[in-house]
PDB file of N, CA and C in Angstrom:
ATOM      1  N   MET A   1     -18.407  -0.382   0.606  1.00  0.00           N
ATOM      2  CA  MET A   1     -17.061  -0.731  -0.207  1.00  0.00           C
ATOM      3  C   MET A   1     -16.175   0.263  -0.458  1.00  0.00           C
ATOM      4  N   THR A   2     -16.708   1.554  -0.528  1.00  0.00           N
ATOM      5  CA  THR A   2     -16.075   2.601  -0.172  1.00  0.00           C
ATOM      6  C   THR A   2     -15.341   3.013   1.056  1.00  0.00           C
ATOM      7  N   SER A   3     -13.803   3.180   0.878  1.00  0.00           N
ATOM      8  CA  SER A   3     -12.982   3.873   1.993  1.00  0.00           C
ATOM      9  C   SER A   3     -12.599   5.153   1.805  1.00  0.00           C
ATOM     10  N   LYS A   4     -11.930   5.664   2.506  1.00  0.00           N
ATOM     11  CA  LYS A   4     -11.561   7.190   2.611  1.00  0.00           C
ATOM     12  C   LYS A   4     -10.168   7.132   1.550  1.00  0.00           C
ATOM     13  N   THR A   5     -10.512   8.128   1.256  1.00  0.00           N
ATOM     14  CA  THR A   5      -9.720   8.871  -0.614  1.00  0.00           C
ATOM     15  C   THR A   5      -8.661   9.176   0.301  1.00  0.00           C
ATOM     16  N   PRO A   6      -6.877   8.963  -0.589  1.00  0.00           N
ATOM     17  CA  PRO A   6      -6.014   9.395   0.275  1.00  0.00           C
ATOM     18  C   PRO A   6      -6.351  10.754  -0.187  1.00  0.00           C
ATOM     19  N   LYS A   7      -5.299  11.488   0.244  1.00  0.00           N
ATOM     20  CA  LYS A   7      -5.130  12.824   0.054  1.00  0.00           C
ATOM     21  C   LYS A   7      -4.596  13.043  -1.310  1.00  0.00           C
ATOM     22  N   GLY A   8      -5.145  13.513  -2.335  1.00  0.00           N
ATOM     23  CA  GLY A   8      -4.794  14.276  -3.761  1.00  0.00           C
ATOM     24  C   GLY A   8      -5.184  13.066  -4.199  1.00  0.00           C
ATOM     25  N   HIS A   9      -5.682  12.106  -4.442  1.00  0.00           N
ATOM     26  CA  HIS A   9      -6.096  11.045  -5.342  1.00  0.00           C
ATOM     27  C   HIS A   9      -8.121  10.790  -5.261  1.00  0.00           C
ATOM     28  N   PHE A  10      -8.264  10.148  -5.687  1.00  0.00           N
ATOM     29  CA  PHE A  10      -9.857   9.281  -6.027  1.00  0.00           C
ATOM     30  C   PHE A  10      -9.723   8.259  -6.341  1.00  0.00           C
ATOM     31  N   ASN A  11     -10.914   7.721  -5.813  1.00  0.00           N
ATOM     32  CA  ASN A  11     -11.135   6.054  -5.644  1.00  0.00           C
ATOM     33  C   ASN A  11     -11.915   5.566  -7.203  1.00  0.00           C
ATOM     34  N   VAL A  12     -11.302   4.434  -7.705  1.00  0.00           N
ATOM     35  CA  VAL A  12     -11.981   3.680  -8.947  1.00  0.00           C
ATOM     36  C   VAL A  12     -12.434   2.450  -8.083  1.00  0.00           C
ATOM     37  N   LEU A  13     -13.863   2.551  -8.415  1.00  0.00           N
ATOM     38  CA  LEU A  13     -14.738   0.952  -7.854  1.00  0.00           C
ATOM     39  C   LEU A  13     -14.421  -0.206  -9.212  1.00  0.00           C
ATOM     40  N   TYR A  14     -14.331  -0.843  -9.201  1.00  0.00           N
ATOM     41  CA  TYR A  14     -14.466  -1.785 -10.189  1.00  0.00           C
ATOM     42  C   TYR A  14     -15.568  -2.863  -9.830  1.00  0.00           C
ATOM     43  N   PHE A  15     -16.310  -3.074 -10.787  1.00  0.00           N
ATOM     44  CA  PHE A  15     -17.678  -4.156 -10.381  1.00  0.00           C
ATOM     45  C   PHE A  15     -17.434  -5.162 -11.366  1.00  0.00           C
ATOM     46  N   ALA A  16     -17.856  -6.178 -11.297  1.00  0.00           N
ATOM     47  CA  ALA A  16     -18.131  -7.533 -12.077  1.00  0.00           C
ATOM     48  C   ALA A  16     -16.201  -7.860 -12.976  1.00  0.00           C
ATOM     49  N   SER A  17     -16.963  -8.103 -14.105  1.00  0.00           N
ATOM     50  CA  SER A  17     -15.561  -8.385 -14.844  1.00  0.00           C
ATOM     51  C   SER A  17     -14.318  -7.272 -14.494  1.00  0.00           C
ATOM     52  N   ALA A  18     -14.802  -5.960 -14.341  1.00  0.00           N
ATOM     53  CA  ALA A  18     -13.613  -5.185 -14.232  1.00  0.00           C
ATOM     54  C   ALA A  18     -12.987  -5.482 -13.202  1.00  0.00           C
ATOM     55  N   GLY A  19     -13.776  -5.888 -11.735  1.00  0.00           N
ATOM     56  CA  GLY A  19     -13.031  -6.163 -10.488  1.00  0.00           C
ATOM     57  C   GLY A  19     -12.181  -7.544 -10.859  1.00  0.00           C
ATOM     58  N   SER A  20     -12.952  -8.553 -11.849  1.00  0.00           N
ATOM     59  CA  SER A  20     -12.165  -9.868 -11.689  1.00  0.00           C
ATOM     60  C   SER A  20     -10.654  -9.348 -12.733  1.00  0.00           C
ATOM     61  N   PHE A  21     -10.834  -8.618 -13.713  1.00  0.00           N
ATOM     62  CA  PHE A  21     -10.006  -8.059 -14.675  1.00  0.00           C
ATOM     63  C   PHE A  21      -8.638  -7.696 -14.192  1.00  0.00           C
ATOM     64  N   THR A  22      -8.739  -6.741 -13.116  1.00  0.00           N
ATOM     65  CA  THR A  22      -7.743  -6.289 -12.257  1.00  0.00           C
ATOM     66  C   THR A  22      -7.623  -6.886 -10.819  1.00  0.00           C
ATOM     67  N   ALA A  23      -8.314  -7.700 -10.684  1.00  0.00           N
ATOM     68  CA  ALA A  23      -8.052  -8.569  -9.228  1.00  0.00           C
ATOM     69  C   ALA A  23      -8.380  -7.744  -7.658  1.00  0.00           C
ATOM     70  N   LYS A  24      -9.227  -6.297  -8.295  1.00  0.00           N
ATOM     71  CA  LYS A  24      -9.524  -5.465  -7.279  1.00  0.00           C
ATOM     72  C   LYS A  24     -10.735  -5.299  -7.350  1.00  0.00           C
ATOM     73  N   GLN A  25     -11.346  -4.534  -5.949  1.00  0.00           N
ATOM     74  CA  GLN A  25     -12.984  -4.079  -6.088  1.00  0.00           C
ATOM     75  C   GLN A  25     -12.272  -2.562  -5.971  1.00  0.00           C
ATOM     76  N   MET A  26     -11.410  -1.738  -5.878  1.00  0.00           N
ATOM     77  CA  MET A  26     -11.702  -0.483  -5.672  1.00  0.00           C
ATOM     78  C   MET A  26     -10.023  -0.596  -5.512  1.00  0.00           C
ATOM     79  N   GLU A  27      -9.441   0.843  -6.325  1.00  0.00           N
ATOM     80  CA  GLU A  27      -7.935   1.445  -5.584  1.00  0.00           C
ATOM     81  C   GLU A  27      -8.050   2.654  -5.864  1.00  0.00           C
ATOM     82  N   ALA A  28      -7.035   3.518  -5.166  1.00  0.00           N
ATOM     83  CA  ALA A  28      -6.613   5.315  -5.355  1.00  0.00           C
ATOM     84  C   ALA A  28      -5.830   5.646  -6.559  1.00  0.00           C
ATOM     85  N   MET A  29      -6.133   6.334  -7.186  1.00  0.00           N
ATOM     86  CA  MET A  29      -5.440   6.823  -8.572  1.00  0.00           C
ATOM     87  C   MET A  29      -4.930   8.833  -8.162  1.00  0.00           C
ATOM     88  N   PRO A  30      -3.962   8.941  -8.627  1.00  0.00           N
ATOM     89  CA  PRO A  30      -3.757  10.425  -8.365  1.00  0.00           C
ATOM     90  C   PRO A  30      -5.088  11.583  -9.372  1.00  0.00           C
ATOM     91  N   ALA A  31      -5.361  12.026  -8.196  1.00  0.00           N
ATOM     92  CA  ALA A  31      -5.970  13.417  -8.962  1.00  0.00           C
ATOM     93  C   ALA A  31      -5.325  14.565  -8.997  1.00  0.00           C
ATOM     94  N   PRO A  32      -5.778  15.566  -9.925  1.00  0.00           N
ATOM     95  CA  PRO A  32      -6.745  15.374 -10.670  1.00  0.00           C
ATOM     96  C   PRO A  32      -6.240  14.813 -12.317  1.00  0.00           C
ATOM     97  N   LEU A  33      -7.349  14.174 -12.763  1.00  0.00           N
ATOM     98  CA  LEU A  33      -7.087  13.560 -14.116  1.00  0.00           C
ATOM     99  C   LEU A  33      -8.555  13.693 -15.102  1.00  0.00           C
ATOM    100  N   PRO A  34      -8.311  14.238 -16.331  1.00  0.00           N
ATOM    101  CA  PRO A  34      -9.214  14.559 -17.125  1.00  0.00           C
ATOM    102  C   PRO A  34      -9.471  13.064 -17.737  1.00  0.00           C
ATOM    103  N   LEU A  35     -11.623  13.238 -17.629  1.00  0.00           N
ATOM    104  CA  LEU A  35     -11.904  12.076 -17.995  1.00  0.00           C
ATOM    105  C   LEU A  35     -11.143  11.396 -18.944  1.00  0.00           C
ATOM    106  N   LYS A  36     -10.795  11.949 -20.073  1.00  0.00           N
ATOM    107  CA  LYS A  36     -10.769  11.583 -21.183  1.00  0.00           C
ATOM    108  C   LYS A  36      -9.365  10.855 -21.134  1.00  0.00           C
ATOM    109  N   LYS A  37      -8.698  11.031 -20.247  1.00  0.00           N
ATOM    110  CA  LYS A  37      -7.088  10.229 -20.004  1.00  0.00           C
ATOM    111  C   LYS A  37      -7.425   8.875 -19.382  1.00  0.00           C
ATOM    112  N   LEU A  38      -8.903   8.700 -18.437  1.00  0.00           N
ATOM    113  CA  LEU A  38      -8.902   7.752 -17.435  1.00  0.00           C
ATOM    114  C   LEU A  38      -8.638   5.951 -18.140  1.00  0.00           C
ATOM    115  N   PHE A  39      -9.379   5.677 -19.307  1.00  0.00           N
ATOM    116  CA  PHE A  39      -9.585   4.459 -19.980  1.00  0.00           C
ATOM    117  C   PHE A  39      -7.565   4.528 -20.306  1.00  0.00           C
ATOM    118  N   GLY A  40      -6.658   5.247 -20.527  1.00  0.00           N
ATOM    119  CA  GLY A  40      -5.463   5.354 -21.245  1.00  0.00           C
ATOM    120  C   GLY A  40      -4.639   5.025 -19.634  1.00  0.00           C
ATOM    121  N   THR A  41      -5.199   5.975 -18.615  1.00  0.00           N
ATOM    122  CA  THR A  41      -4.189   5.512 -17.633  1.00  0.00           C
ATOM    123  C   THR A  41      -4.645   3.974 -16.760  1.00  0.00           C
ATOM    124  N   LEU A  42      -5.744   3.610 -17.030  1.00  0.00           N
ATOM    125  CA  LEU A  42      -6.504   2.152 -16.360  1.00  0.00           C
ATOM    126  C   LEU A  42      -5.682   1.316 -17.237  1.00  0.00           C
ATOM    127  N   GLU A  43      -5.302   1.135 -18.802  1.00  0.00           N
ATOM    128  CA  GLU A  43      -4.820   0.562 -19.678  1.00  0.00           C
ATOM    129  C   GLU A  43      -3.208   0.509 -19.284  1.00  0.00           C
ATOM    130  N   ALA A  44      -2.381   1.281 -19.060  1.00  0.00           N
ATOM    131  CA  ALA A  44      -0.911   1.461 -18.418  1.00  0.00           C
ATOM    132  C   ALA A  44      -0.954   0.499 -17.235  1.00  0.00           C
ATOM    133  N   HIS A  45      -1.931   0.430 -16.514  1.00  0.00           N
ATOM    134  CA  HIS A  45      -1.635   0.015 -15.627  1.00  0.00           C
ATOM    135  C   HIS A  45      -2.356  -1.758 -15.456  1.00  0.00           C
ATOM    136  N   TYR A  46      -3.076  -2.062 -16.471  1.00  0.00           N
ATOM    137  CA  TYR A  46      -3.732  -3.260 -16.837  1.00  0.00           C
ATOM    138  C   TYR A  46      -3.622  -3.598 -18.109  1.00  0.00           C
ATOM    139  N   GLU A  47      -3.000  -3.968 -18.653  1.00  0.00           N
ATOM    140  CA  GLU A  47      -2.508  -4.374 -20.243  1.00  0.00           C
ATOM    141  C   GLU A  47      -3.655  -4.951 -20.495  1.00  0.00           C
ATOM    142  N   GLY A  48      -4.793  -5.031 -21.336  1.00  0.00           N
ATOM    143  CA  GLY A  48      -5.645  -5.502 -22.334  1.00  0.00           C
ATOM    144  C   GLY A  48      -7.137  -5.414 -21.916  1.00  0.00           C
ATOM    145  N   ILE A  49      -7.149  -4.474 -20.496  1.00  0.00           N
ATOM    146  CA  ILE A  49      -8.298  -3.939 -19.799  1.00  0.00           C
ATOM    147  C   ILE A  49      -9.560  -3.057 -20.884  1.00  0.00           C
ATOM    148  N   THR A  50      -8.552  -2.262 -21.567  1.00  0.00           N
ATOM    149  CA  THR A  50      -9.721  -1.361 -22.658  1.00  0.00           C
ATOM    150  C   THR A  50     -10.387  -2.127 -23.893  1.00  0.00           C
ATOM    151  N   GLU A  51      -9.771  -3.227 -24.103  1.00  0.00           N
ATOM    152  CA  GLU A  51     -10.413  -4.148 -25.495  1.00  0.00           C
ATOM    153  C   GLU A  51     -11.279  -5.185 -24.309  1.00  0.00           C
ATOM    154  N   ASN A  52     -11.010  -5.784 -23.466  1.00  0.00           N
ATOM    155  CA  ASN A  52     -11.884  -6.589 -22.757  1.00  0.00           C
ATOM    156  C   ASN A  52     -12.831  -6.192 -21.759  1.00  0.00           C
ATOM    157  N   VAL A  53     -12.809  -5.199 -21.491  1.00  0.00           N
ATOM    158  CA  VAL A  53     -13.445  -4.588 -20.205  1.00  0.00           C
ATOM    159  C   VAL A  53     -14.205  -3.012 -20.654  1.00  0.00           C
ATOM    160  N   LEU A  54     -13.560  -2.037 -20.301  1.00  0.00           N
ATOM    161  CA  LEU A  54     -13.645  -0.698 -20.914  1.00  0.00           C
ATOM    162  C   LEU A  54     -14.806  -0.624 -21.951  1.00  0.00           C
ATOM    163  N   GLU A  55     -14.586  -1.082 -23.263  1.00  0.00           N
ATOM    164  CA  GLU A  55     -15.333  -0.634 -24.554  1.00  0.00           C
ATOM    165  C   GLU A  55     -16.544  -0.948 -24.043  1.00  0.00           C
ATOM    166  N   HIS A  56     -17.018  -1.817 -23.001  1.00  0.00           N
ATOM    167  CA  HIS A  56     -18.325  -2.156 -22.831  1.00  0.00           C
ATOM    168  C   HIS A  56     -18.916  -1.694 -21.659  1.00  0.00           C
ATOM    169  N   SER A  57     -18.000  -1.167 -20.834  1.00  0.00           N
ATOM    170  CA  SER A  57     -18.524  -0.571 -19.619  1.00  0.00           C
ATOM    171  C   SER A  57     -19.184   0.662 -19.245  1.00  0.00           C
ATOM    172  N   LEU A  58     -20.194   1.011 -18.652  1.00  0.00           N
ATOM    173  CA  LEU A  58     -20.404   2.318 -17.944  1.00  0.00           C
ATOM    174  C   LEU A  58     -19.350   2.764 -17.400  1.00  0.00           C
ATOM    175  N   VAL A  59     -19.783   3.735 -17.338  1.00  0.00           N
ATOM    176  CA  VAL A  59     -19.037   4.884 -15.982  1.00  0.00           C
ATOM    177  C   VAL A  59     -19.362   5.845 -15.015  1.00  0.00           C
ATOM    178  N   THR A  60     -19.406   5.987 -14.065  1.00  0.00           N
ATOM    179  CA  THR A  60     -19.936   7.097 -13.051  1.00  0.00           C
ATOM    180  C   THR A  60     -18.772   8.003 -12.597  1.00  0.00           C
ATOM    181  N   ILE A  61     -19.449   9.105 -12.268  1.00  0.00           N
ATOM    182  CA  ILE A  61     -18.686   9.857 -11.298  1.00  0.00           C
ATOM    183  C   ILE A  61     -18.975  10.258 -10.118  1.00  0.00           C
ATOM    184  N   ASN A  62     -19.241  10.047  -9.105  1.00  0.00           N
ATOM    185  CA  ASN A  62     -19.893  10.350  -7.893  1.00  0.00           C
ATOM    186  C   ASN A  62     -21.825  10.332  -7.907  1.00  0.00           C
ATOM    187  N   LEU A  63     -21.982   8.599  -8.659  1.00  0.00           N
ATOM    188  CA  LEU A  63     -22.923   8.120  -9.072  1.00  0.00           C
ATOM    189  C   LEU A  63     -23.619   8.720 -10.203  1.00  0.00           C
ATOM    190  N   THR A  64     -22.980   9.838 -11.074  1.00  0.00           N
ATOM    191  CA  THR A  64     -23.956   9.974 -12.263  1.00  0.00           C
ATOM    192  C   THR A  64     -22.978   9.321 -13.397  1.00  0.00           C
ATOM    193  N   TYR A  65     -23.790   8.819 -14.609  1.00  0.00           N
ATOM    194  CA  TYR A  65     -22.955   8.803 -15.264  1.00  0.00           C
ATOM    195  C   TYR A  65     -22.761   9.408 -15.978  1.00  0.00           C
ATOM    196  N   VAL A  66     -21.713   9.144 -17.135  1.00  0.00           N
ATOM    197  CA  VAL A  66     -20.924   9.922 -17.697  1.00  0.00           C
ATOM    198  C   VAL A  66     -20.725   9.250 -18.832  1.00  0.00           C
ATOM    199  N   GLU A  67     -20.700  10.358 -19.972  1.00  0.00           N
ATOM    200  CA  GLU A  67     -20.422   9.566 -21.343  1.00  0.00           C
ATOM    201  C   GLU A  67     -18.891   9.867 -21.309  1.00  0.00           C
ATOM    202  N   MET A  68     -18.236   8.810 -21.989  1.00  0.00           N
ATOM    203  CA  MET A  68     -16.792   8.686 -22.056  1.00  0.00           C
ATOM    204  C   MET A  68     -16.423   9.420 -23.332  1.00  0.00           C
ATOM    205  N   PRO A  69     -15.816  10.562 -23.255  1.00  0.00           N
ATOM    206  CA  PRO A  69     -14.956  11.265 -24.710  1.00  0.00           C
ATOM    207  C   PRO A  69     -14.725  10.035 -25.862  1.00  0.00           C
ATOM    208  N   SER A  70     -14.710  10.192 -26.823  1.00  0.00           N
ATOM    209  CA  SER A  70     -14.504   9.354 -27.756  1.00  0.00           C
ATOM    210  C   SER A  70     -13.171   9.666 -28.287  1.00  0.00           C
ATOM    211  N   GLY A  71     -12.219  10.421 -27.919  1.00  0.00           N
ATOM    212  CA  GLY A  71     -10.747  10.267 -28.366  1.00  0.00           C
ATOM    213  C   GLY A  71     -10.054  11.482 -27.337  1.00  0.00           C
ATOM    214  N   GLU A  72      -8.857  11.750 -27.439  1.00  0.00           N
ATOM    215  CA  GLU A  72      -7.763  12.577 -27.004  1.00  0.00           C
ATOM    216  C   GLU A  72      -7.900  13.960 -27.237  1.00  0.00           C
ATOM    217  N   ASP A  73      -8.872  14.022 -28.691  1.00  0.00           N
ATOM    218  CA  ASP A  73      -8.896  15.395 -29.086  1.00  0.00           C
ATOM    219  C   ASP A  73      -9.943  15.778 -28.643  1.00  0.00           C
ATOM    220  N   ASP A  74     -11.115  15.255 -28.166  1.00  0.00           N
ATOM    221  CA  ASP A  74     -12.631  15.547 -28.309  1.00  0.00           C
ATOM    222  C   ASP A  74     -12.436  16.606 -26.833  1.00  0.00           C
ATOM    223  N   ASP A  75     -12.596  18.169 -27.666  1.00  0.00           N
ATOM    224  CA  ASP A  75     -13.054  19.308 -26.551  1.00  0.00           C
ATOM    225  C   ASP A  75     -14.106  19.511 -26.031  1.00  0.00           C
ATOM    226  N   ASP A  76     -15.034  18.740 -26.535  1.00  0.00           N
ATOM    227  CA  ASP A  76     -16.593  19.298 -25.764  1.00  0.00           C
ATOM    228  C   ASP A  76     -16.890  18.338 -24.539  1.00  0.00           C
ATOM    229  N   GLN A  77     -15.948  17.439 -24.156  1.00  0.00           N
ATOM    230  CA  GLN A  77     -15.810  16.586 -22.879  1.00  0.00           C
ATOM    231  C   GLN A  77     -14.774  17.180 -22.017  1.00  0.00           C
ATOM    232  N   ASP A  78     -14.583  18.223 -20.953  1.00  0.00           N
ATOM    233  CA  ASP A  78     -13.543  18.504 -20.420  1.00  0.00           C
ATOM    234  C   ASP A  78     -13.675  18.406 -19.081  1.00  0.00           C
ATOM    235  N   ILE A  79     -13.779  17.198 -18.688  1.00  0.00           N
ATOM    236  CA  ILE A  79     -14.481  16.632 -17.306  1.00  0.00           C
ATOM    237  C   ILE A  79     -13.201  16.205 -16.505  1.00  0.00           C
ATOM    238  N   ILE A  80     -13.118  16.611 -15.418  1.00  0.00           N
ATOM    239  CA  ILE A  80     -12.500  16.490 -14.871  1.00  0.00           C
ATOM    240  C   ILE A  80     -11.969  15.768 -13.816  1.00  0.00           C
ATOM    241  N   ILE A  81     -11.851  14.931 -13.519  1.00  0.00           N
ATOM    242  CA  ILE A  81     -11.787  13.815 -11.878  1.00  0.00           C
ATOM    243  C   ILE A  81     -10.899  14.469 -11.145  1.00  0.00           C
ATOM    244  N   GLN A  82     -11.842  15.013  -9.666  1.00  0.00           N
ATOM    245  CA  GLN A  82     -11.092  15.743  -8.864  1.00  0.00           C
ATOM    246  C   GLN A  82     -10.854  14.571  -7.604  1.00  0.00           C
ATOM    247  N   GLU A  83      -9.753  15.614  -7.026  1.00  0.00           N
ATOM    248  CA  GLU A  83      -9.134  14.955  -5.537  1.00  0.00           C
ATOM    249  C   GLU A  83     -10.749  14.240  -4.564  1.00  0.00           C
ATOM    250  N   GLY A  84     -10.976  13.278  -4.154  1.00  0.00           N
ATOM    251  CA  GLY A  84     -11.957  13.004  -3.505  1.00  0.00           C
ATOM    252  C   GLY A  84     -13.098  12.122  -3.998  1.00  0.00           C
ATOM    253  N   ASP A  85     -12.930  12.544  -5.564  1.00  0.00           N
ATOM    254  CA  ASP A  85     -14.342  11.900  -6.312  1.00  0.00           C
ATOM    255  C   ASP A  85     -14.264  10.492  -6.234  1.00  0.00           C
ATOM    256  N   GLU A  86     -15.336   9.787  -6.910  1.00  0.00           N
ATOM    257  CA  GLU A  86     -15.515   8.335  -6.661  1.00  0.00           C
ATOM    258  C   GLU A  86     -15.612   8.037  -8.051  1.00  0.00           C
ATOM    259  N   VAL A  87     -15.222   7.351  -8.848  1.00  0.00           N
ATOM    260  CA  VAL A  87     -15.439   6.806 -10.002  1.00  0.00           C
ATOM    261  C   VAL A  87     -15.795   5.681 -10.339  1.00  0.00           C
ATOM    262  N   ALA A  88     -16.863   4.730 -10.924  1.00  0.00           N
ATOM    263  CA  ALA A  88     -17.257   3.267 -11.155  1.00  0.00           C
ATOM    264  C   ALA A  88     -17.172   3.070 -12.298  1.00  0.00           C
ATOM    265  N   ILE A  89     -16.711   1.670 -12.467  1.00  0.00           N
ATOM    266  CA  ILE A  89     -16.184   0.935 -13.979  1.00  0.00           C
ATOM    267  C   ILE A  89     -17.313  -0.007 -13.597  1.00  0.00           C
ATOM    268  N   ILE A  90     -18.576  -0.124 -14.393  1.00  0.00           N
ATOM    269  CA  ILE A  90     -19.821  -1.154 -14.439  1.00  0.00           C
ATOM    270  C   ILE A  90     -19.937  -1.498 -15.586  1.00  0.00           C
ATOM    271  N   PRO A  91     -19.015  -2.765 -15.851  1.00  0.00           N
ATOM    272  CA  PRO A  91     -19.299  -3.561 -16.995  1.00  0.00           C
ATOM    273  C   PRO A  91     -20.640  -3.827 -17.280  1.00  0.00           C
ATOM    274  N   PRO A  92     -21.074  -4.445 -18.659  1.00  0.00           N
ATOM    275  CA  PRO A  92     -22.232  -5.510 -18.784  1.00  0.00           C
ATOM    276  C   PRO A  92     -22.739  -6.451 -17.646  1.00  0.00           C
ATOM    277  N   VAL A  93     -23.542  -6.835 -17.144  1.00  0.00           N
ATOM    278  CA  VAL A  93     -23.904  -8.039 -16.363  1.00  0.00           C
ATOM    279  C   VAL A  93     -24.618  -9.043 -17.219  1.00  0.00           C
ATOM    280  N   SER A  94     -24.487 -10.055 -17.473  1.00  0.00           N
ATOM    281  CA  SER A  94     -25.197 -11.298 -17.921  1.00  0.00           C
ATOM    282  C   SER A  94     -26.385 -11.941 -17.048  1.00  0.00           C
ATOM    283  N   SER A  95     -27.388 -11.590 -17.529  1.00  0.00           N
ATOM    284  CA  SER A  95     -28.453 -12.519 -16.906  1.00  0.00           C
ATOM    285  C   SER A  95     -29.014 -14.147 -17.328  1.00  0.00           C
ATOM    286  N   GLY A  96     -29.626 -15.190 -16.615  1.00  0.00           N
ATOM    287  CA  GLY A  96     -29.538 -16.174 -16.867  1.00  0.00           C
ATOM    288  C   GLY A  96     -30.745 -16.443 -16.274  1.00  0.00           C
TER     289      GLY A  96
END
């Protein structure tokens, strides 16, 4: 699913409802980007994604789950998404 990341960017992978909401499986975004700004950046591109998808999703960076900072002033989480990183948005999946 992944492809070569353009220089100065990182890839965002959209799974399940995230992919349905964005109509994409993947896109490249400019790096570096503080993790605490990821949801705001995605919301600017896809109005309503925070409430409908992101608030209930897990996030990984390079296959490692990360805890999303609780707000812009959260200094405990200063993770920076770097060039070449792979970020995955993983919404809950219902089973039946």
